[in-house]
Protein backbone atom coordinates (compact mmCIF):
# COMPACT_ATOMS: atom_id res chain seq x y z
CA MET A 1 23.47 -10.19 35.47
CA LEU A 2 22.44 -13.67 36.55
CA ASN A 3 25.12 -14.10 39.22
CA THR A 4 22.91 -13.16 42.19
CA PRO A 5 19.76 -14.98 41.07
CA SER A 6 21.81 -18.08 40.32
CA LYS A 7 22.36 -18.36 44.07
CA GLN A 8 18.58 -18.48 44.50
CA PRO A 9 17.43 -21.15 42.04
CA GLU A 10 13.76 -20.67 42.90
CA THR A 11 13.88 -17.25 41.20
CA LEU A 12 15.19 -18.62 37.91
CA THR A 13 11.96 -19.12 36.05
CA LEU A 14 12.01 -19.05 32.27
CA SER A 15 10.09 -15.77 32.30
CA PHE A 16 12.53 -14.17 34.74
CA ILE A 17 15.61 -15.22 32.77
CA THR A 18 14.05 -14.11 29.50
CA SER A 19 13.27 -10.70 30.98
CA LEU A 20 16.78 -10.26 32.36
CA LEU A 21 18.31 -11.15 29.02
CA LYS A 22 16.07 -8.59 27.31
CA VAL A 23 17.26 -5.94 29.74
CA ARG A 24 20.87 -6.91 29.12
CA ALA A 25 20.32 -6.80 25.37
CA ALA A 26 18.90 -3.30 25.74
CA LEU A 27 21.73 -2.05 27.98
CA ALA A 28 24.70 -3.73 26.30
CA PRO A 29 24.90 -1.42 23.27
CA VAL A 30 24.80 1.60 25.57
CA TYR A 31 27.60 0.55 27.88
CA THR A 32 29.63 -0.90 25.01
CA ARG A 33 29.55 2.39 23.12
CA LEU A 34 30.42 4.39 26.24
CA ALA A 35 33.28 2.03 27.06
CA PHE A 36 34.77 2.36 23.57
CA CYS A 37 34.41 6.13 23.68
CA ARG A 38 36.41 6.18 26.93
CA ASN A 39 38.99 3.42 26.43
CA ARG A 40 39.08 2.46 22.77
CA GLU A 41 42.70 1.30 22.53
CA GLN A 42 42.59 -0.67 25.77
CA LEU A 43 39.40 -2.46 24.74
CA ILE A 44 40.71 -3.22 21.27
CA GLY A 45 43.72 -4.86 22.92
CA TYR A 46 41.40 -6.80 25.21
CA LEU A 47 39.28 -8.01 22.28
CA GLU A 48 42.34 -9.00 20.25
CA GLU A 49 42.96 -11.68 22.88
CA PHE A 50 39.67 -13.27 21.81
CA ILE A 51 41.28 -14.29 18.53
CA GLN A 52 43.21 -16.90 20.49
CA LEU A 53 40.10 -18.44 22.07
CA PRO A 54 39.75 -22.16 21.49
CA ASP A 55 36.88 -23.21 19.27
CA ASP A 56 34.87 -24.29 22.28
CA THR A 57 31.47 -23.15 23.55
CA ASP A 58 32.61 -23.05 27.18
CA ALA A 59 35.58 -20.84 26.33
CA TYR A 60 33.35 -18.53 24.29
CA ALA A 61 30.72 -18.34 27.04
CA GLN A 62 33.37 -17.50 29.65
CA ALA A 63 34.94 -14.81 27.43
CA HIS A 64 31.51 -13.36 26.69
CA GLN A 65 30.68 -13.14 30.39
CA GLU A 66 34.03 -11.55 31.19
CA LEU A 67 33.58 -9.02 28.40
CA HIS A 68 30.21 -7.91 29.73
CA HIS A 69 31.72 -7.51 33.18
CA GLN A 70 34.70 -5.58 31.78
CA LEU A 71 32.81 -3.12 29.56
CA PRO A 72 30.72 -1.35 32.23
CA ASP A 73 33.80 -0.92 34.40
CA GLN A 74 35.41 1.08 31.59
CA ILE A 75 32.79 3.81 31.36
CA GLY A 76 33.30 5.69 34.60
CA SER A 77 31.50 5.86 37.88
CA GLN A 78 28.53 8.09 37.01
CA GLN A 79 27.45 6.10 33.97
CA MET A 80 28.19 2.82 35.73
CA ASN A 81 25.93 3.85 38.58
CA VAL A 82 23.12 4.52 36.11
CA ILE A 83 23.57 1.06 34.60
CA ARG A 84 23.59 -0.57 38.04
CA VAL A 85 20.39 1.25 39.01
CA LEU A 86 18.72 0.22 35.74
CA LYS A 87 19.79 -3.40 36.20
CA LYS A 88 18.38 -3.46 39.74
CA HIS A 89 15.16 -1.77 38.64
CA PHE A 90 14.54 -4.11 35.76
CA ALA A 91 15.49 -7.15 37.83
CA LYS A 92 12.81 -6.17 40.36
CA THR A 93 10.29 -5.34 37.67
CA PHE A 94 10.55 -8.67 35.92
C-alpha cells in the first residue's frame, strides 16, 4: 500500500502513514478471508513456506509484504477491484 507514496517522500507524513496502515488493517481481514475461501489449499502451501523463514526482521518484513500482495490476487477480479477502489479512496481521504 505504501509503494506509490514511497516514490513521493513529501507525502509520507506520520499522519498519512498511520492512516494508510489503519485502512490496511481494516481491509486485510476481508481479503484474507476471501482468499482462503477461494484458494485454501494453495494458500496453506504458501504459508507453510514461512516456517523456513530465518529468524530475521528483514526476512519477516519481506514475507509479510509479499503475503499482503499475494492474498488480494487470490480472491478474484470483482472483489479485487472493490479492494483497489477502497484503497485508492482511503489513500485520497487521508
